[in-house]
Amino acid sequence: MSATRRGIRPVLLRVALPACLAAGLLLLAGAPRAAAQGSLKEAYLQRFVGRPAPPFLLKDLEGREVRLSDHKGKVILLNYWYTGCFPCRQETPDLIRLYNAHKARGLVILGINLDAILMPADDRRMLQRFVQDFEIPYPTLIADVNMYDDYGKPSIAPLTLLIDRQGRIAQVFWGAYSFSVYENAVRPYLEASGP
């Protein structure tokens, strides 16, 4: 064995082995968090899927009041998001594309912004920039504490609820999804007749 190879082996044992052990410990430490996240998701799904969507009255960016009942008989996506959420930024173009492709068929998307709850010190500066940068064509509503509580304090963002034409929560999207996933989910509800 050459001198170079003999010198590498002790270095690998001193550096690589502890690094691998540390990485393994980090993965194990993350396991309880992932399990807790899974049980949180299951509890959320059991609480909301198949049940009527709680009513709400929120204001849009111009201060106009919007009620969930304003969209009775439509297929609705409630998309919870906040401006500091990178996955929210990733999926916004797909939601815009979905809305533009299906609004004539009865699809409503309501962006429920959580900035006022999660980042109240920002005073909507980031929110205004976000909406302008993405040119969001569907309503952006400002979540309040009552609505946040009624919908189980959605702590994962983005979190999107699919509400059918009868006003029931049909599906929950935990995290960011692509245009095709959302389109495949809403299509059967758009094709179904109204209430």
Protein backbone atom coordinates (compact mmCIF):
# COMPACT_ATOMS: atom_id res chain seq x y z
CA MET A 1 0.00 0.00 0.00
CA SER A 2 1.40 3.41 -0.92
CA ALA A 3 2.15 6.08 1.64
CA THR A 4 -0.62 8.24 0.19
CA ARG A 5 -3.24 5.53 0.68
CA ARG A 6 -2.00 4.77 4.21
CA GLY A 7 -2.39 8.48 5.04
CA ILE A 8 -5.95 8.65 3.67
CA ARG A 9 -7.34 5.81 5.78
CA PRO A 10 -6.73 7.47 9.19
CA VAL A 11 -8.09 10.76 7.87
CA LEU A 12 -11.25 9.01 6.67
CA LEU A 13 -11.69 7.37 10.04
CA ARG A 14 -11.15 10.62 11.92
CA VAL A 15 -13.33 12.83 9.67
CA ALA A 16 -15.79 10.76 7.65
CA LEU A 17 -16.87 8.33 10.33
CA PRO A 18 -17.92 11.02 12.84
CA ALA A 19 -19.66 12.95 10.05
CA CYS A 20 -21.63 9.86 9.03
CA LEU A 21 -22.55 9.17 12.66
CA ALA A 22 -23.70 12.76 13.12
CA ALA A 23 -25.81 12.61 9.95
CA GLY A 24 -27.39 9.35 11.17
CA LEU A 25 -28.22 10.92 14.52
CA LEU A 26 -29.81 13.90 12.79
CA LEU A 27 -31.96 11.57 10.70
CA LEU A 28 -33.03 9.69 13.82
CA ALA A 29 -33.81 12.94 15.62
CA GLY A 30 -36.01 13.96 12.68
CA ALA A 31 -37.99 10.72 12.81
CA PRO A 32 -40.14 11.74 15.82
CA ARG A 33 -40.83 15.08 14.15
CA ALA A 34 -41.89 13.33 10.93
CA ALA A 35 -44.10 10.97 12.93
CA ALA A 36 -45.66 13.92 14.77
CA GLN A 37 -46.21 15.65 11.43
CA GLY A 38 -47.93 12.52 10.09
CA SER A 39 -50.23 12.25 13.09
CA LEU A 40 -51.04 15.98 12.84
CA LYS A 41 -51.96 15.50 9.20
CA GLU A 42 -54.15 12.47 9.97
CA ALA A 43 -55.97 14.34 12.74
CA TYR A 44 -56.54 17.29 10.41
CA LEU A 45 -57.90 15.04 7.65
CA GLN A 46 -60.23 13.24 10.06
CA ARG A 47 -61.52 16.53 11.41
CA PHE A 48 -62.27 18.19 8.06
CA VAL A 49 -62.55 15.81 5.07
CA GLY A 50 -66.17 14.97 4.26
CA ARG A 51 -67.52 17.71 6.51
CA PRO A 52 -69.02 21.08 5.59
CA ALA A 53 -66.45 23.84 5.22
CA PRO A 54 -66.79 26.29 8.13
CA PRO A 55 -68.34 29.59 7.01
CA PHE A 56 -66.21 32.72 7.06
CA LEU A 57 -66.26 36.42 6.35
CA LEU A 58 -62.87 37.91 5.41
CA LYS A 59 -61.64 41.05 3.71
CA ASP A 60 -59.72 41.14 0.47
CA LEU A 61 -56.76 43.44 -0.19
CA GLU A 62 -59.08 46.35 -1.02
CA GLY A 63 -61.07 45.90 2.19
CA ARG A 64 -64.14 44.34 0.53
CA GLU A 65 -65.91 41.62 2.50
CA VAL A 66 -65.93 38.12 1.03
CA ARG A 67 -67.93 35.21 2.41
CA LEU A 68 -67.45 31.57 1.61
CA SER A 69 -71.20 31.47 0.91
CA ASP A 70 -70.68 33.99 -1.92
CA HIS A 71 -69.38 31.02 -3.93
CA LYS A 72 -72.12 28.50 -3.14
CA GLY A 73 -72.45 25.81 -5.81
CA LYS A 74 -68.89 26.34 -7.08
CA VAL A 75 -65.81 24.16 -6.75
CA ILE A 76 -63.47 26.03 -4.41
CA LEU A 77 -59.81 25.77 -3.57
CA LEU A 78 -58.92 27.53 -0.30
CA ASN A 79 -55.18 28.03 -0.49
CA TYR A 80 -53.52 29.01 2.81
CA TRP A 81 -50.18 30.70 2.25
CA TYR A 82 -47.85 33.41 3.51
CA THR A 83 -45.26 35.50 1.70
CA GLY A 84 -42.23 34.04 3.48
CA CYS A 85 -43.12 30.50 2.34
CA PHE A 86 -40.90 29.26 -0.51
CA PRO A 87 -43.20 26.33 -1.48
CA CYS A 88 -46.07 28.84 -1.63
CA ARG A 89 -44.09 30.87 -4.16
CA GLN A 90 -43.36 27.72 -6.14
CA GLU A 91 -46.99 26.65 -6.53
CA THR A 92 -48.54 30.10 -7.14
CA PRO A 93 -47.91 30.06 -10.93
CA ASP A 94 -49.59 26.64 -11.14
CA LEU A 95 -52.61 27.89 -9.18
CA ILE A 96 -52.87 30.92 -11.47
CA ARG A 97 -52.72 28.63 -14.51
CA LEU A 98 -55.36 26.32 -12.98
CA TYR A 99 -57.66 29.24 -12.19
CA ASN A 100 -57.36 30.69 -15.68
CA ALA A 101 -57.98 27.29 -17.27
CA HIS A 102 -61.10 26.44 -15.24
CA LYS A 103 -62.76 29.58 -13.87
CA ALA A 104 -65.37 29.48 -16.65
CA ARG A 105 -66.32 25.95 -15.52
CA GLY A 106 -67.02 27.04 -11.94
CA LEU A 107 -63.61 26.88 -10.25
CA VAL A 108 -62.99 29.47 -7.56
CA ILE A 109 -59.61 29.89 -5.91
CA LEU A 110 -59.42 31.94 -2.76
CA GLY A 111 -55.91 32.70 -1.56
CA ILE A 112 -56.07 32.90 2.23
CA ASN A 113 -53.04 34.91 3.30
CA LEU A 114 -51.66 34.22 6.78
CA ASP A 115 -49.17 37.11 6.98
CA ALA A 116 -51.29 39.07 9.49
CA ILE A 117 -51.19 36.06 11.83
CA LEU A 118 -47.71 34.67 11.17
CA MET A 119 -45.77 37.89 10.43
CA PRO A 120 -47.83 40.83 11.73
CA ALA A 121 -44.86 43.23 11.91
CA ASP A 122 -44.53 43.26 8.10
CA ASP A 123 -47.61 45.51 7.70
CA ARG A 124 -48.52 43.90 4.32
CA ARG A 125 -45.48 45.24 2.44
CA MET A 126 -44.32 41.77 1.35
CA LEU A 127 -47.89 40.75 0.61
CA GLN A 128 -48.45 43.68 -1.77
CA ARG A 129 -45.19 42.90 -3.59
CA PHE A 130 -46.03 39.20 -3.81
CA VAL A 131 -49.47 39.82 -5.33
CA GLN A 132 -48.06 42.37 -7.79
CA ASP A 133 -45.08 40.22 -8.80
CA PHE A 134 -47.26 37.18 -9.50
CA GLU A 135 -50.24 39.15 -10.89
CA ILE A 136 -52.64 36.89 -8.98
CA PRO A 137 -56.03 37.02 -10.74
CA TYR A 138 -58.08 35.37 -7.99
CA PRO A 139 -59.02 37.00 -4.67
CA THR A 140 -56.44 37.23 -1.92
CA LEU A 141 -58.16 37.31 1.46
CA ILE A 142 -56.60 38.28 4.77
CA ALA A 143 -57.04 35.52 7.35
CA ASP A 144 -58.26 36.52 10.79
CA VAL A 145 -57.90 34.63 14.06
CA ASN A 146 -61.51 33.34 13.99
CA MET A 147 -61.16 31.78 10.56
CA TYR A 148 -57.69 30.49 11.43
CA ASP A 149 -59.15 28.75 14.50
CA ASP A 150 -62.22 27.42 12.65
CA TYR A 151 -59.96 25.78 10.06
CA GLY A 152 -57.74 24.10 12.63
CA LYS A 153 -54.92 26.67 12.77
CA PRO A 154 -53.31 25.54 9.52
CA SER A 155 -49.64 25.42 10.48
CA ILE A 156 -48.40 23.89 7.24
CA ALA A 157 -48.11 26.24 4.30
CA PRO A 158 -49.21 25.94 1.70
CA LEU A 159 -52.29 24.05 2.75
CA THR A 160 -55.11 23.81 0.23
CA LEU A 161 -58.64 22.56 0.78
CA LEU A 162 -60.83 21.40 -2.08
CA ILE A 163 -64.48 22.19 -1.39
CA ASP A 164 -67.10 20.51 -3.58
CA ARG A 165 -70.25 22.09 -5.01
CA GLN A 166 -72.23 21.02 -1.93
CA GLY A 167 -69.84 22.90 0.37
CA ARG A 168 -68.05 19.85 1.81
CA ILE A 169 -64.28 19.59 2.16
CA ALA A 170 -63.47 16.84 -0.31
CA GLN A 171 -59.69 16.81 -0.15
CA VAL A 172 -56.75 18.44 1.63
CA PHE A 173 -53.43 19.13 -0.08
CA TRP A 174 -50.71 19.17 2.57
CA GLY A 175 -47.87 21.19 1.03
CA ALA A 176 -47.22 22.48 -2.49
CA TYR A 177 -48.54 20.68 -5.56
CA SER A 178 -48.26 21.05 -9.31
CA PHE A 179 -50.84 22.16 -11.85
CA SER A 180 -51.47 18.57 -13.00
CA VAL A 181 -52.12 17.26 -9.47
CA TYR A 182 -54.60 20.05 -8.75
CA GLU A 183 -56.23 19.71 -12.16
CA ASN A 184 -56.71 15.96 -11.75
CA ALA A 185 -58.26 16.56 -8.34
CA VAL A 186 -60.70 19.31 -9.34
CA ARG A 187 -61.75 17.90 -12.72
CA PRO A 188 -64.32 15.36 -11.39
CA TYR A 189 -65.90 18.04 -9.21
CA LEU A 190 -66.08 20.50 -12.10
CA GLU A 191 -67.75 17.86 -14.26
CA ALA A 192 -70.35 17.06 -11.58
CA SER A 193 -73.59 18.99 -11.75
CA GLY A 194 -74.34 21.81 -9.32
CA PRO A 195 -76.30 21.47 -6.04
